[in-house]
């Protein structure tokens, strides 16, 4: 065991980290901090999405018997949720009121709203540190008389937000607007070709285990973004060495930076 109570991974302290797998699409911008990280630590950064989203049809949405116009606020935890919320609205020919408030998990998601709305004319709020707690803090300041819609995946596994809304007596609904399915990556990669694998959702962990049912870490470092992702990794009997967001590491990039910096000092 290490001094912080985590199970030590054999050879981790002396291991050289050369190849990192980010289980998300490759950033479109060449200025992504991931590329800066790769350059500074001389590591290879691979980007392979472990999950893909499938749109729920307008017909399927109608079966949920929800009237979007009844809700005065929307909770958005990803750009995908924004895409599918406005897609459904367009297919239903529903004009979203200019008075609707948007509560976003971080500033990046909030700014993405500009693709669909006139940002300056709307009421947009976001978590200051990108965590659920930060999101709850900002919702708590503005929740009076609001009815919240939380668009999510059909197989949504993040119940922390739902639990908070329920425990704080908020009126809310959780319409399914898309579903998450595992990508077929086993024909493209071998999981043990990577020194570090970073996972971002419980569905991503599920995809890892579906693609590689006999997966054992054998020295591979696992990183997780979000408390639910961390929980699923540990429940699968795997070791977790990199966690975000945390007070000093609000993003996966920051968590990787901290991890690699600490390891390079031990050489």
C-alpha atoms as a PDB file:
ATOM      1  CA  UNK A   1       0.000   0.000   0.000  1.00  0.00           C
ATOM      2  CA  UNK A   2       1.099   3.584  -0.591  1.00  0.00           C
ATOM      3  CA  UNK A   3       1.072   6.145   2.193  1.00  0.00           C
ATOM      4  CA  UNK A   4      -2.277   7.561   1.003  1.00  0.00           C
ATOM      5  CA  UNK A   5      -3.944   4.168   1.291  1.00  0.00           C
ATOM      6  CA  UNK A   6      -4.063   3.304  -2.424  1.00  0.00           C
ATOM      7  CA  UNK A   7      -2.957  -0.098  -3.573  1.00  0.00           C
ATOM      8  CA  UNK A   8       0.449   0.142  -5.180  1.00  0.00           C
ATOM      9  CA  UNK A   9       0.904  -1.108  -8.724  1.00  0.00           C
ATOM     10  CA  UNK A  10       3.949  -3.294  -9.291  1.00  0.00           C
ATOM     11  CA  UNK A  11       6.754  -1.374 -10.945  1.00  0.00           C
ATOM     12  CA  UNK A  12       4.807   1.882 -11.084  1.00  0.00           C
ATOM     13  CA  UNK A  13       7.423   3.999  -9.294  1.00  0.00           C
ATOM     14  CA  UNK A  14      10.160   3.131 -11.782  1.00  0.00           C
ATOM     15  CA  UNK A  15       8.049   2.768 -14.909  1.00  0.00           C
ATOM     16  CA  UNK A  16       8.633   5.025 -17.906  1.00  0.00           C
ATOM     17  CA  UNK A  17       5.407   6.442 -19.306  1.00  0.00           C
ATOM     18  CA  UNK A  18       5.566   6.711 -23.074  1.00  0.00           C
ATOM     19  CA  UNK A  19       2.068   6.158 -24.449  1.00  0.00           C
ATOM     20  CA  UNK A  20      -1.235   7.501 -23.131  1.00  0.00           C
ATOM     21  CA  UNK A  21      -4.722   6.629 -24.393  1.00  0.00           C
ATOM     22  CA  UNK A  22      -7.423   9.295 -24.144  1.00  0.00           C
ATOM     23  CA  UNK A  23     -10.735   7.526 -24.732  1.00  0.00           C
ATOM     24  CA  UNK A  24     -12.308  10.551 -26.435  1.00  0.00           C
ATOM     25  CA  UNK A  25     -12.198  12.026 -29.961  1.00  0.00           C
ATOM     26  CA  UNK A  26      -9.004  13.800 -30.989  1.00  0.00           C
ATOM     27  CA  UNK A  27      -9.239  17.556 -30.238  1.00  0.00           C
ATOM     28  CA  UNK A  28      -9.992  19.635 -33.315  1.00  0.00           C
ATOM     29  CA  UNK A  29      -7.697  22.459 -32.236  1.00  0.00           C
ATOM     30  CA  UNK A  30      -3.932  22.058 -32.493  1.00  0.00           C
ATOM     31  CA  UNK A  31      -3.732  24.246 -29.384  1.00  0.00           C
ATOM     32  CA  UNK A  32      -5.318  21.605 -27.160  1.00  0.00           C
ATOM     33  CA  UNK A  33      -3.522  21.355 -23.795  1.00  0.00           C
ATOM     34  CA  UNK A  34      -3.222  17.612 -24.391  1.00  0.00           C
ATOM     35  CA  UNK A  35      -0.702  18.307 -27.164  1.00  0.00           C
ATOM     36  CA  UNK A  36       1.269  20.650 -24.921  1.00  0.00           C
ATOM     37  CA  UNK A  37       1.353  17.903 -22.293  1.00  0.00           C
ATOM     38  CA  UNK A  38       2.619  15.374 -24.848  1.00  0.00           C
ATOM     39  CA  UNK A  39       5.403  17.738 -25.935  1.00  0.00           C
ATOM     40  CA  UNK A  40       6.549  18.616 -22.421  1.00  0.00           C
ATOM     41  CA  UNK A  41       6.730  15.041 -21.162  1.00  0.00           C
ATOM     42  CA  UNK A  42       7.757  13.479 -24.497  1.00  0.00           C
ATOM     43  CA  UNK A  43       4.844  11.035 -24.506  1.00  0.00           C
ATOM     44  CA  UNK A  44       2.652   9.776 -27.338  1.00  0.00           C
ATOM     45  CA  UNK A  45      -1.000  10.736 -26.938  1.00  0.00           C
ATOM     46  CA  UNK A  46      -3.587   8.553 -28.711  1.00  0.00           C
ATOM     47  CA  UNK A  47      -7.256   9.550 -29.000  1.00  0.00           C
ATOM     48  CA  UNK A  48      -9.757   6.728 -29.536  1.00  0.00           C
ATOM     49  CA  UNK A  49     -13.435   7.157 -28.515  1.00  0.00           C
ATOM     50  CA  UNK A  50     -14.663   4.201 -26.471  1.00  0.00           C
ATOM     51  CA  UNK A  51     -18.325   5.141 -26.786  1.00  0.00           C
ATOM     52  CA  UNK A  52     -20.620   6.580 -29.420  1.00  0.00           C
ATOM     53  CA  UNK A  53     -23.968   8.270 -29.168  1.00  0.00           C
ATOM     54  CA  UNK A  54     -27.120   7.238 -30.970  1.00  0.00           C
ATOM     55  CA  UNK A  55     -29.943   9.753 -31.324  1.00  0.00           C
ATOM     56  CA  UNK A  56     -33.340   8.937 -29.869  1.00  0.00           C
ATOM     57  CA  UNK A  57     -36.005   9.660 -32.459  1.00  0.00           C
ATOM     58  CA  UNK A  58     -38.676  12.275 -32.015  1.00  0.00           C
ATOM     59  CA  UNK A  59     -41.225   9.448 -31.875  1.00  0.00           C
ATOM     60  CA  UNK A  60     -39.340   7.818 -29.001  1.00  0.00           C
ATOM     61  CA  UNK A  61     -39.099  11.143 -27.195  1.00  0.00           C
ATOM     62  CA  UNK A  62     -42.858  11.702 -27.450  1.00  0.00           C
ATOM     63  CA  UNK A  63     -43.454   8.418 -25.656  1.00  0.00           C
ATOM     64  CA  UNK A  64     -41.972  10.041 -22.543  1.00  0.00           C
ATOM     65  CA  UNK A  65     -44.981  12.389 -22.501  1.00  0.00           C
ATOM     66  CA  UNK A  66     -43.006  15.507 -21.596  1.00  0.00           C
ATOM     67  CA  UNK A  67     -43.829  19.060 -22.627  1.00  0.00           C
ATOM     68  CA  UNK A  68     -40.568  21.001 -23.024  1.00  0.00           C
ATOM     69  CA  UNK A  69     -42.416  24.326 -22.764  1.00  0.00           C
ATOM     70  CA  UNK A  70     -43.326  23.561 -19.141  1.00  0.00           C
ATOM     71  CA  UNK A  71     -39.689  23.753 -18.034  1.00  0.00           C
ATOM     72  CA  UNK A  72     -37.935  27.012 -17.265  1.00  0.00           C
ATOM     73  CA  UNK A  73     -34.352  25.768 -16.816  1.00  0.00           C
ATOM     74  CA  UNK A  74     -32.100  23.204 -18.511  1.00  0.00           C
ATOM     75  CA  UNK A  75     -29.176  21.395 -16.843  1.00  0.00           C
ATOM     76  CA  UNK A  76     -26.435  20.569 -19.356  1.00  0.00           C
ATOM     77  CA  UNK A  77     -23.422  18.399 -18.564  1.00  0.00           C
ATOM     78  CA  UNK A  78     -21.957  17.976 -22.055  1.00  0.00           C
ATOM     79  CA  UNK A  79     -21.892  19.410 -25.563  1.00  0.00           C
ATOM     80  CA  UNK A  80     -23.646  16.239 -26.708  1.00  0.00           C
ATOM     81  CA  UNK A  81     -26.555  16.997 -24.391  1.00  0.00           C
ATOM     82  CA  UNK A  82     -26.801  20.477 -25.950  1.00  0.00           C
ATOM     83  CA  UNK A  83     -26.768  19.045 -29.489  1.00  0.00           C
ATOM     84  CA  UNK A  84     -29.547  16.574 -28.754  1.00  0.00           C
ATOM     85  CA  UNK A  85     -31.670  18.997 -26.720  1.00  0.00           C
ATOM     86  CA  UNK A  86     -31.819  21.489 -29.578  1.00  0.00           C
ATOM     87  CA  UNK A  87     -32.183  18.684 -32.135  1.00  0.00           C
ATOM     88  CA  UNK A  88     -35.299  17.413 -30.383  1.00  0.00           C
ATOM     89  CA  UNK A  89     -36.650  20.958 -30.065  1.00  0.00           C
ATOM     90  CA  UNK A  90     -36.155  21.502 -33.793  1.00  0.00           C
ATOM     91  CA  UNK A  91     -37.801  18.203 -34.732  1.00  0.00           C
ATOM     92  CA  UNK A  92     -40.753  19.037 -32.474  1.00  0.00           C
ATOM     93  CA  UNK A  93     -40.862  22.534 -34.002  1.00  0.00           C
ATOM     94  CA  UNK A  94     -40.616  23.897 -30.486  1.00  0.00           C
ATOM     95  CA  UNK A  95     -39.243  27.439 -30.136  1.00  0.00           C
ATOM     96  CA  UNK A  96     -37.261  27.614 -26.911  1.00  0.00           C
ATOM     97  CA  UNK A  97     -38.281  30.628 -24.832  1.00  0.00           C
ATOM     98  CA  UNK A  98     -35.712  33.391 -24.445  1.00  0.00           C
ATOM     99  CA  UNK A  99     -36.409  33.286 -20.703  1.00  0.00           C
ATOM    100  CA  UNK A 100     -35.074  29.746 -20.274  1.00  0.00           C
ATOM    101  CA  UNK A 101     -32.058  29.486 -17.963  1.00  0.00           C
ATOM    102  CA  UNK A 102     -29.139  27.182 -18.732  1.00  0.00           C
ATOM    103  CA  UNK A 103     -27.013  25.593 -15.997  1.00  0.00           C
ATOM    104  CA  UNK A 104     -23.823  24.084 -17.422  1.00  0.00           C
ATOM    105  CA  UNK A 105     -21.143  21.834 -15.941  1.00  0.00           C
ATOM    106  CA  UNK A 106     -18.319  24.148 -17.058  1.00  0.00           C
ATOM    107  CA  UNK A 107     -17.539  27.255 -19.089  1.00  0.00           C
ATOM    108  CA  UNK A 108     -16.657  25.291 -22.221  1.00  0.00           C
ATOM    109  CA  UNK A 109     -20.114  23.698 -22.301  1.00  0.00           C
ATOM    110  CA  UNK A 110     -21.716  27.073 -21.571  1.00  0.00           C
ATOM    111  CA  UNK A 111     -19.899  28.762 -24.463  1.00  0.00           C
ATOM    112  CA  UNK A 112     -20.962  25.947 -26.787  1.00  0.00           C
ATOM    113  CA  UNK A 113     -24.529  27.220 -26.377  1.00  0.00           C
ATOM    114  CA  UNK A 114     -23.566  30.050 -28.731  1.00  0.00           C
ATOM    115  CA  UNK A 115     -23.999  27.549 -31.551  1.00  0.00           C
ATOM    116  CA  UNK A 116     -27.747  27.582 -30.861  1.00  0.00           C
ATOM    117  CA  UNK A 117     -28.670  30.762 -29.009  1.00  0.00           C
ATOM    118  CA  UNK A 118     -27.794  34.430 -28.759  1.00  0.00           C
ATOM    119  CA  UNK A 119     -25.633  33.990 -25.680  1.00  0.00           C
ATOM    120  CA  UNK A 120     -25.813  37.557 -24.439  1.00  0.00           C
ATOM    121  CA  UNK A 121     -29.608  37.539 -24.350  1.00  0.00           C
ATOM    122  CA  UNK A 122     -29.952  34.358 -22.375  1.00  0.00           C
ATOM    123  CA  UNK A 123     -29.391  33.488 -18.761  1.00  0.00           C
ATOM    124  CA  UNK A 124     -26.423  31.114 -18.746  1.00  0.00           C
ATOM    125  CA  UNK A 125     -24.671  29.849 -15.602  1.00  0.00           C
ATOM    126  CA  UNK A 126     -21.828  27.375 -15.141  1.00  0.00           C
ATOM    127  CA  UNK A 127     -19.825  25.598 -12.477  1.00  0.00           C
ATOM    128  CA  UNK A 128     -16.738  27.640 -11.635  1.00  0.00           C
ATOM    129  CA  UNK A 129     -14.524  24.579 -11.182  1.00  0.00           C
ATOM    130  CA  UNK A 130     -16.193  22.098 -13.540  1.00  0.00           C
ATOM    131  CA  UNK A 131     -17.427  19.828 -10.738  1.00  0.00           C
ATOM    132  CA  UNK A 132     -20.940  18.700  -9.833  1.00  0.00           C
ATOM    133  CA  UNK A 133     -20.571  20.528  -6.510  1.00  0.00           C
ATOM    134  CA  UNK A 134     -19.799  23.750  -8.355  1.00  0.00           C
ATOM    135  CA  UNK A 135     -22.863  23.172 -10.532  1.00  0.00           C
ATOM    136  CA  UNK A 136     -25.035  22.587  -7.457  1.00  0.00           C
ATOM    137  CA  UNK A 137     -23.768  25.809  -5.889  1.00  0.00           C
ATOM    138  CA  UNK A 138     -24.820  27.875  -8.883  1.00  0.00           C
ATOM    139  CA  UNK A 139     -28.186  26.097  -9.264  1.00  0.00           C
ATOM    140  CA  UNK A 140     -28.860  26.648  -5.566  1.00  0.00           C
ATOM    141  CA  UNK A 141     -28.606  30.420  -6.025  1.00  0.00           C
ATOM    142  CA  UNK A 142     -31.228  30.471  -8.788  1.00  0.00           C
ATOM    143  CA  UNK A 143     -33.498  27.477  -8.184  1.00  0.00           C
ATOM    144  CA  UNK A 144     -36.526  29.264  -6.745  1.00  0.00           C
ATOM    145  CA  UNK A 145     -39.644  28.841  -8.924  1.00  0.00           C
ATOM    146  CA  UNK A 146     -37.681  26.994 -11.615  1.00  0.00           C
ATOM    147  CA  UNK A 147     -38.662  23.709 -13.253  1.00  0.00           C
ATOM    148  CA  UNK A 148     -35.550  21.848 -14.392  1.00  0.00           C
ATOM    149  CA  UNK A 149     -35.050  19.654 -17.428  1.00  0.00           C
ATOM    150  CA  UNK A 150     -31.929  17.471 -17.355  1.00  0.00           C
ATOM    151  CA  UNK A 151     -31.421  15.947 -20.844  1.00  0.00           C
ATOM    152  CA  UNK A 152     -29.420  12.745 -20.614  1.00  0.00           C
ATOM    153  CA  UNK A 153     -28.616   9.377 -22.111  1.00  0.00           C
ATOM    154  CA  UNK A 154     -31.116   6.526 -22.064  1.00  0.00           C
ATOM    155  CA  UNK A 155     -28.589   4.522 -20.067  1.00  0.00           C
ATOM    156  CA  UNK A 156     -27.626   7.462 -17.853  1.00  0.00           C
ATOM    157  CA  UNK A 157     -25.556   6.294 -14.894  1.00  0.00           C
ATOM    158  CA  UNK A 158     -24.771   9.632 -13.284  1.00  0.00           C
ATOM    159  CA  UNK A 159     -27.411   9.944 -10.566  1.00  0.00           C
ATOM    160  CA  UNK A 160     -25.615  12.537  -8.440  1.00  0.00           C
ATOM    161  CA  UNK A 161     -27.333  15.436 -10.195  1.00  0.00           C
ATOM    162  CA  UNK A 162     -30.730  13.743 -10.028  1.00  0.00           C
ATOM    163  CA  UNK A 163     -30.155  12.979  -6.349  1.00  0.00           C
ATOM    164  CA  UNK A 164     -29.309  16.629  -5.642  1.00  0.00           C
ATOM    165  CA  UNK A 165     -32.372  17.957  -7.458  1.00  0.00           C
ATOM    166  CA  UNK A 166     -34.566  15.506  -5.576  1.00  0.00           C
ATOM    167  CA  UNK A 167     -33.045  16.195  -2.148  1.00  0.00           C
ATOM    168  CA  UNK A 168     -33.430  19.947  -2.679  1.00  0.00           C
ATOM    169  CA  UNK A 169     -37.100  19.620  -3.601  1.00  0.00           C
ATOM    170  CA  UNK A 170     -36.638  20.883  -7.148  1.00  0.00           C
ATOM    171  CA  UNK A 171     -39.205  20.163  -9.817  1.00  0.00           C
ATOM    172  CA  UNK A 172     -37.363  18.296 -12.537  1.00  0.00           C
ATOM    173  CA  UNK A 173     -37.506  15.718 -15.322  1.00  0.00           C
ATOM    174  CA  UNK A 174     -34.767  13.622 -16.956  1.00  0.00           C
ATOM    175  CA  UNK A 175     -35.787  13.103 -20.598  1.00  0.00           C
ATOM    176  CA  UNK A 176     -33.772  10.614 -22.639  1.00  0.00           C
ATOM    177  CA  UNK A 177     -32.624  12.250 -25.876  1.00  0.00           C
ATOM    178  CA  UNK A 178     -29.801   9.884 -26.908  1.00  0.00           C
ATOM    179  CA  UNK A 179     -28.301   6.544 -25.925  1.00  0.00           C
ATOM    180  CA  UNK A 180     -24.701   5.548 -25.345  1.00  0.00           C
ATOM    181  CA  UNK A 181     -23.274   2.418 -26.981  1.00  0.00           C
ATOM    182  CA  UNK A 182     -19.812   0.884 -26.820  1.00  0.00           C
ATOM    183  CA  UNK A 183     -17.483   1.429 -29.774  1.00  0.00           C
ATOM    184  CA  UNK A 184     -15.712  -1.549 -31.327  1.00  0.00           C
ATOM    185  CA  UNK A 185     -12.087  -0.752 -30.517  1.00  0.00           C
ATOM    186  CA  UNK A 186     -10.669  -4.239 -29.997  1.00  0.00           C
ATOM    187  CA  UNK A 187      -9.871  -4.518 -33.719  1.00  0.00           C
ATOM    188  CA  UNK A 188      -7.907  -1.249 -33.599  1.00  0.00           C
ATOM    189  CA  UNK A 189      -5.863  -1.479 -30.427  1.00  0.00           C
ATOM    190  CA  UNK A 190      -4.498  -3.698 -27.708  1.00  0.00           C
ATOM    191  CA  UNK A 191      -5.251  -2.168 -24.319  1.00  0.00           C
ATOM    192  CA  UNK A 192      -1.846  -3.210 -23.000  1.00  0.00           C
ATOM    193  CA  UNK A 193      -0.062  -1.168 -25.657  1.00  0.00           C
ATOM    194  CA  UNK A 194      -0.681   1.855 -23.423  1.00  0.00           C
ATOM    195  CA  UNK A 195       0.983   2.883 -20.199  1.00  0.00           C
ATOM    196  CA  UNK A 196      -1.985   5.049 -19.162  1.00  0.00           C
ATOM    197  CA  UNK A 197      -5.659   4.778 -20.118  1.00  0.00           C
ATOM    198  CA  UNK A 198      -7.929   7.726 -19.273  1.00  0.00           C
ATOM    199  CA  UNK A 199     -11.670   7.055 -18.962  1.00  0.00           C
ATOM    200  CA  UNK A 200     -14.351   9.731 -18.772  1.00  0.00           C
ATOM    201  CA  UNK A 201     -17.695   8.008 -18.205  1.00  0.00           C
ATOM    202  CA  UNK A 202     -19.061   4.818 -16.635  1.00  0.00           C
ATOM    203  CA  UNK A 203     -20.041   3.833 -20.188  1.00  0.00           C
ATOM    204  CA  UNK A 204     -16.388   4.175 -21.210  1.00  0.00           C
ATOM    205  CA  UNK A 205     -15.391   1.737 -18.467  1.00  0.00           C
ATOM    206  CA  UNK A 206     -18.127  -0.637 -19.647  1.00  0.00           C
ATOM    207  CA  UNK A 207     -16.756  -0.388 -23.195  1.00  0.00           C
ATOM    208  CA  UNK A 208     -13.236  -1.208 -21.998  1.00  0.00           C
ATOM    209  CA  UNK A 209     -14.465  -4.365 -20.286  1.00  0.00           C
ATOM    210  CA  UNK A 210     -16.718  -5.359 -23.188  1.00  0.00           C
ATOM    211  CA  UNK A 211     -13.925  -4.954 -25.718  1.00  0.00           C
ATOM    212  CA  UNK A 212     -11.336  -6.619 -23.487  1.00  0.00           C
ATOM    213  CA  UNK A 213     -13.236  -9.014 -21.189  1.00  0.00           C
ATOM    214  CA  UNK A 214      -9.990 -10.529 -19.908  1.00  0.00           C
ATOM    215  CA  UNK A 215      -8.423  -7.140 -19.173  1.00  0.00           C
ATOM    216  CA  UNK A 216      -6.033  -7.040 -16.244  1.00  0.00           C
ATOM    217  CA  UNK A 217      -3.966  -3.957 -15.519  1.00  0.00           C
ATOM    218  CA  UNK A 218      -0.569  -5.630 -15.332  1.00  0.00           C
ATOM    219  CA  UNK A 219       1.040  -2.240 -14.670  1.00  0.00           C
ATOM    220  CA  UNK A 220      -1.352  -0.162 -16.808  1.00  0.00           C
ATOM    221  CA  UNK A 221      -2.322   3.060 -15.043  1.00  0.00           C
ATOM    222  CA  UNK A 222      -6.012   4.005 -15.106  1.00  0.00           C
ATOM    223  CA  UNK A 223      -7.308   7.565 -14.899  1.00  0.00           C
ATOM    224  CA  UNK A 224     -10.929   8.556 -14.298  1.00  0.00           C
ATOM    225  CA  UNK A 225     -12.882  11.755 -14.764  1.00  0.00           C
ATOM    226  CA  UNK A 226     -15.900  12.066 -12.487  1.00  0.00           C
ATOM    227  CA  UNK A 227     -16.902  10.330  -9.268  1.00  0.00           C
ATOM    228  CA  UNK A 228     -19.189   7.857 -11.024  1.00  0.00           C
ATOM    229  CA  UNK A 229     -16.446   6.797 -13.450  1.00  0.00           C
ATOM    230  CA  UNK A 230     -14.102   6.272 -10.488  1.00  0.00           C
ATOM    231  CA  UNK A 231     -16.744   4.232  -8.681  1.00  0.00           C
ATOM    232  CA  UNK A 232     -17.323   1.886 -11.635  1.00  0.00           C
ATOM    233  CA  UNK A 233     -13.573   1.320 -12.092  1.00  0.00           C
ATOM    234  CA  UNK A 234     -13.163   0.348  -8.436  1.00  0.00           C
ATOM    235  CA  UNK A 235     -16.293  -1.832  -8.486  1.00  0.00           C
ATOM    236  CA  UNK A 236     -14.730  -3.728 -11.407  1.00  0.00           C
ATOM    237  CA  UNK A 237     -11.840  -4.628  -9.109  1.00  0.00           C
ATOM    238  CA  UNK A 238      -9.353  -2.376 -10.908  1.00  0.00           C
ATOM    239  CA  UNK A 239      -6.845   0.063  -9.401  1.00  0.00           C
ATOM    240  CA  UNK A 240      -7.310   3.787  -9.938  1.00  0.00           C
ATOM    241  CA  UNK A 241      -4.227   6.014  -9.886  1.00  0.00           C
ATOM    242  CA  UNK A 242      -5.377   9.260 -11.552  1.00  0.00           C
ATOM    243  CA  UNK A 243      -8.568  11.088 -10.515  1.00  0.00           C
ATOM    244  CA  UNK A 244     -10.246  14.296 -11.661  1.00  0.00           C
ATOM    245  CA  UNK A 245     -11.805  16.637 -10.944  1.00  0.00           C
ATOM    246  CA  UNK A 246     -10.305  17.332  -7.551  1.00  0.00           C
ATOM    247  CA  UNK A 247      -9.467  20.647  -5.817  1.00  0.00           C
ATOM    248  CA  UNK A 248      -6.037  21.044  -7.437  1.00  0.00           C
ATOM    249  CA  UNK A 249      -6.815  19.172 -10.659  1.00  0.00           C
ATOM    250  CA  UNK A 250     -10.108  20.356 -12.230  1.00  0.00           C
ATOM    251  CA  UNK A 251      -9.518  18.550 -15.544  1.00  0.00           C
ATOM    252  CA  UNK A 252      -8.009  15.329 -16.866  1.00  0.00           C
ATOM    253  CA  UNK A 253      -5.192  17.377 -18.423  1.00  0.00           C
ATOM    254  CA  UNK A 254      -4.368  18.851 -15.011  1.00  0.00           C
ATOM    255  CA  UNK A 255      -4.520  15.409 -13.379  1.00  0.00           C
ATOM    256  CA  UNK A 256      -2.187  13.934 -16.013  1.00  0.00           C
ATOM    257  CA  UNK A 257       0.182  16.880 -15.641  1.00  0.00           C
ATOM    258  CA  UNK A 258       0.375  16.339 -11.881  1.00  0.00           C
ATOM    259  CA  UNK A 259       0.833  12.572 -12.262  1.00  0.00           C
ATOM    260  CA  UNK A 260       3.562  12.800 -14.904  1.00  0.00           C
ATOM    261  CA  UNK A 261       5.357  15.594 -13.021  1.00  0.00           C
ATOM    262  CA  UNK A 262       5.468  13.497  -9.852  1.00  0.00           C
ATOM    263  CA  UNK A 263       6.720  10.440 -11.726  1.00  0.00           C
ATOM    264  CA  UNK A 264       9.432  12.375 -13.567  1.00  0.00           C
ATOM    265  CA  UNK A 265      10.770  13.655 -10.220  1.00  0.00           C
ATOM    266  CA  UNK A 266      11.238  10.081  -8.998  1.00  0.00           C
ATOM    267  CA  UNK A 267      13.508   9.094 -11.878  1.00  0.00           C
END
